[in-house]
Amino acid sequence: MERVVAVNTWQAVLIGVLVLLVLLWWGPGIKESVRNTRRGTAEEWRSALLPIALVALFVVLLIAMTR
């Protein structure tokens, strides 16, 4: 049995306000962290992007096989 939960207008507005407040509260800390972060080398980027690309190719292969 599946229950569908409806969100009233006032609940959506309240959630939006809460999200906005959290972003404003965390904003300065996030901005400072991004400014002071260490830059990755080309080798580090390659080692991170290669597995992502392989997984994406694998997913495309699986989709192509189902058609």
N, C-alpha and C. Protein backbone atom coordinates (compact mmCIF):
# COMPACT_ATOMS: atom_id res chain seq x y z
N MET A 1 0.85 -1.17 0.00
CA MET A 1 0.00 0.00 0.00
C MET A 1 0.90 1.24 0.00
N GLU A 2 0.66 2.12 -0.91
CA GLU A 2 1.49 3.30 -1.07
C GLU A 2 0.71 4.54 -0.66
N ARG A 3 1.33 5.34 0.19
CA ARG A 3 0.69 6.58 0.63
C ARG A 3 1.33 7.75 -0.08
N VAL A 4 0.52 8.64 -0.57
CA VAL A 4 1.00 9.85 -1.23
C VAL A 4 0.88 10.99 -0.23
N VAL A 5 1.98 11.69 0.00
CA VAL A 5 1.98 12.79 0.95
C VAL A 5 1.94 14.09 0.16
N ALA A 6 0.90 14.86 0.36
CA ALA A 6 0.76 16.14 -0.32
C ALA A 6 1.37 17.24 0.54
N VAL A 7 2.05 18.17 -0.11
CA VAL A 7 2.63 19.31 0.60
C VAL A 7 1.75 20.52 0.34
N ASN A 8 1.27 21.09 1.42
CA ASN A 8 0.44 22.29 1.30
C ASN A 8 1.29 23.48 0.90
N THR A 9 0.64 24.55 0.47
CA THR A 9 1.36 25.75 0.03
C THR A 9 2.18 26.34 1.17
N TRP A 10 1.60 26.41 2.35
CA TRP A 10 2.34 27.00 3.47
C TRP A 10 3.54 26.14 3.86
N GLN A 11 3.43 24.82 3.67
CA GLN A 11 4.57 23.96 3.97
C GLN A 11 5.68 24.16 2.96
N ALA A 12 5.33 24.34 1.69
CA ALA A 12 6.33 24.58 0.65
C ALA A 12 7.04 25.92 0.90
N VAL A 13 6.27 26.93 1.30
CA VAL A 13 6.87 28.23 1.60
C VAL A 13 7.80 28.12 2.80
N LEU A 14 7.38 27.40 3.82
CA LEU A 14 8.21 27.22 5.01
C LEU A 14 9.50 26.49 4.68
N ILE A 15 9.42 25.45 3.88
CA ILE A 15 10.62 24.71 3.48
C ILE A 15 11.55 25.61 2.67
N GLY A 16 10.99 26.41 1.78
CA GLY A 16 11.80 27.34 0.99
C GLY A 16 12.51 28.36 1.85
N VAL A 17 11.81 28.89 2.84
CA VAL A 17 12.42 29.86 3.75
C VAL A 17 13.53 29.20 4.56
N LEU A 18 13.29 27.98 5.02
CA LEU A 18 14.33 27.28 5.78
C LEU A 18 15.57 27.00 4.94
N VAL A 19 15.37 26.60 3.70
CA VAL A 19 16.51 26.36 2.80
C VAL A 19 17.28 27.66 2.58
N LEU A 20 16.57 28.75 2.37
CA LEU A 20 17.22 30.04 2.17
C LEU A 20 18.01 30.46 3.41
N LEU A 21 17.45 30.26 4.59
CA LEU A 21 18.16 30.61 5.82
C LEU A 21 19.42 29.77 6.01
N VAL A 22 19.32 28.48 5.69
CA VAL A 22 20.50 27.61 5.81
C VAL A 22 21.58 28.05 4.84
N LEU A 23 21.20 28.38 3.60
CA LEU A 23 22.19 28.84 2.63
C LEU A 23 22.84 30.15 3.07
N LEU A 24 22.05 31.06 3.60
CA LEU A 24 22.62 32.32 4.09
C LEU A 24 23.52 32.09 5.31
N TRP A 25 23.18 31.12 6.14
CA TRP A 25 23.96 30.84 7.33
C TRP A 25 25.29 30.19 6.97
N TRP A 26 25.26 29.22 6.03
CA TRP A 26 26.47 28.50 5.64
C TRP A 26 27.26 29.21 4.56
N GLY A 27 26.67 30.18 3.88
CA GLY A 27 27.30 30.84 2.74
C GLY A 27 28.71 31.36 2.99
N PRO A 28 28.92 32.16 4.02
CA PRO A 28 30.27 32.69 4.25
C PRO A 28 31.32 31.60 4.49
N GLY A 29 30.96 30.56 5.21
CA GLY A 29 31.90 29.48 5.46
C GLY A 29 32.23 28.71 4.19
N ILE A 30 31.22 28.47 3.36
CA ILE A 30 31.46 27.77 2.10
C ILE A 30 32.33 28.62 1.18
N LYS A 31 32.04 29.91 1.12
CA LYS A 31 32.82 30.82 0.28
C LYS A 31 34.29 30.84 0.71
N GLU A 32 34.53 30.89 1.99
CA GLU A 32 35.90 30.89 2.51
C GLU A 32 36.60 29.56 2.24
N SER A 33 35.89 28.46 2.36
CA SER A 33 36.48 27.15 2.09
C SER A 33 36.86 27.01 0.63
N VAL A 34 36.01 27.49 -0.26
CA VAL A 34 36.31 27.41 -1.69
C VAL A 34 37.51 28.29 -2.02
N ARG A 35 37.60 29.45 -1.40
CA ARG A 35 38.71 30.36 -1.66
C ARG A 35 40.04 29.77 -1.20
N ASN A 36 40.05 29.04 -0.09
CA ASN A 36 41.30 28.53 0.49
C ASN A 36 41.61 27.09 0.13
N THR A 37 40.88 26.50 -0.80
CA THR A 37 41.09 25.11 -1.13
C THR A 37 42.35 24.94 -1.99
N ARG A 38 42.88 23.75 -1.95
CA ARG A 38 44.06 23.41 -2.74
C ARG A 38 43.63 23.03 -4.15
N ARG A 39 44.36 23.49 -5.14
CA ARG A 39 44.06 23.16 -6.53
C ARG A 39 44.60 21.77 -6.86
N GLY A 40 43.83 20.99 -7.59
CA GLY A 40 44.26 19.65 -7.98
C GLY A 40 45.18 19.70 -9.19
N THR A 41 46.09 18.77 -9.25
CA THR A 41 46.98 18.69 -10.41
C THR A 41 46.26 17.97 -11.54
N ALA A 42 46.86 18.03 -12.73
CA ALA A 42 46.27 17.37 -13.89
C ALA A 42 46.20 15.86 -13.67
N GLU A 43 47.19 15.30 -13.01
CA GLU A 43 47.19 13.85 -12.75
C GLU A 43 46.06 13.46 -11.79
N GLU A 44 45.81 14.28 -10.80
CA GLU A 44 44.72 14.00 -9.86
C GLU A 44 43.36 14.09 -10.56
N TRP A 45 43.19 15.07 -11.44
CA TRP A 45 41.94 15.18 -12.18
C TRP A 45 41.74 13.99 -13.09
N ARG A 46 42.81 13.55 -13.77
CA ARG A 46 42.69 12.37 -14.64
C ARG A 46 42.31 11.14 -13.84
N SER A 47 42.94 10.96 -12.69
CA SER A 47 42.64 9.77 -11.88
C SER A 47 41.22 9.81 -11.31
N ALA A 48 40.63 10.98 -11.19
CA ALA A 48 39.24 11.08 -10.71
C ALA A 48 38.25 10.94 -11.86
N LEU A 49 38.56 11.51 -13.02
CA LEU A 49 37.61 11.52 -14.13
C LEU A 49 37.59 10.21 -14.91
N LEU A 50 38.68 9.47 -14.91
CA LEU A 50 38.73 8.21 -15.65
C LEU A 50 37.68 7.20 -15.15
N PRO A 51 37.57 6.93 -13.85
CA PRO A 51 36.52 5.99 -13.40
C PRO A 51 35.10 6.51 -13.69
N ILE A 52 34.90 7.81 -13.58
CA ILE A 52 33.58 8.37 -13.88
C ILE A 52 33.24 8.15 -15.34
N ALA A 53 34.20 8.38 -16.21
CA ALA A 53 33.97 8.18 -17.64
C ALA A 53 33.71 6.71 -17.95
N LEU A 54 34.43 5.81 -17.30
CA LEU A 54 34.22 4.38 -17.53
C LEU A 54 32.83 3.94 -17.07
N VAL A 55 32.37 4.45 -15.95
CA VAL A 55 31.04 4.11 -15.47
C VAL A 55 29.98 4.66 -16.43
N ALA A 56 30.18 5.89 -16.91
CA ALA A 56 29.23 6.48 -17.86
C ALA A 56 29.17 5.65 -19.14
N LEU A 57 30.32 5.23 -19.65
CA LEU A 57 30.34 4.39 -20.85
C LEU A 57 29.65 3.05 -20.61
N PHE A 58 29.84 2.48 -19.43
CA PHE A 58 29.21 1.22 -19.09
C PHE A 58 27.69 1.38 -19.05
N VAL A 59 27.20 2.48 -18.49
CA VAL A 59 25.76 2.73 -18.44
C VAL A 59 25.21 2.90 -19.85
N VAL A 60 25.92 3.64 -20.70
CA VAL A 60 25.48 3.80 -22.08
C VAL A 60 25.44 2.45 -22.78
N LEU A 61 26.42 1.60 -22.54
CA LEU A 61 26.44 0.25 -23.13
C LEU A 61 25.24 -0.57 -22.66
N LEU A 62 24.93 -0.51 -21.37
CA LEU A 62 23.78 -1.24 -20.86
C LEU A 62 22.47 -0.73 -21.47
N ILE A 63 22.34 0.56 -21.62
CA ILE A 63 21.13 1.12 -22.23
C ILE A 63 21.04 0.68 -23.68
N ALA A 64 22.16 0.71 -24.39
CA ALA A 64 22.15 0.32 -25.80
C ALA A 64 21.79 -1.17 -25.95
N MET A 65 22.20 -1.99 -25.01
CA MET A 65 21.92 -3.42 -25.09
C MET A 65 20.45 -3.72 -24.86
N THR A 66 19.73 -2.87 -24.17
CA THR A 66 18.33 -3.14 -23.87
C THR A 66 17.40 -2.70 -25.00
N ARG A 67 17.87 -2.01 -25.96
CA ARG A 67 17.02 -1.54 -27.06
C ARG A 67 16.91 -2.56 -28.14
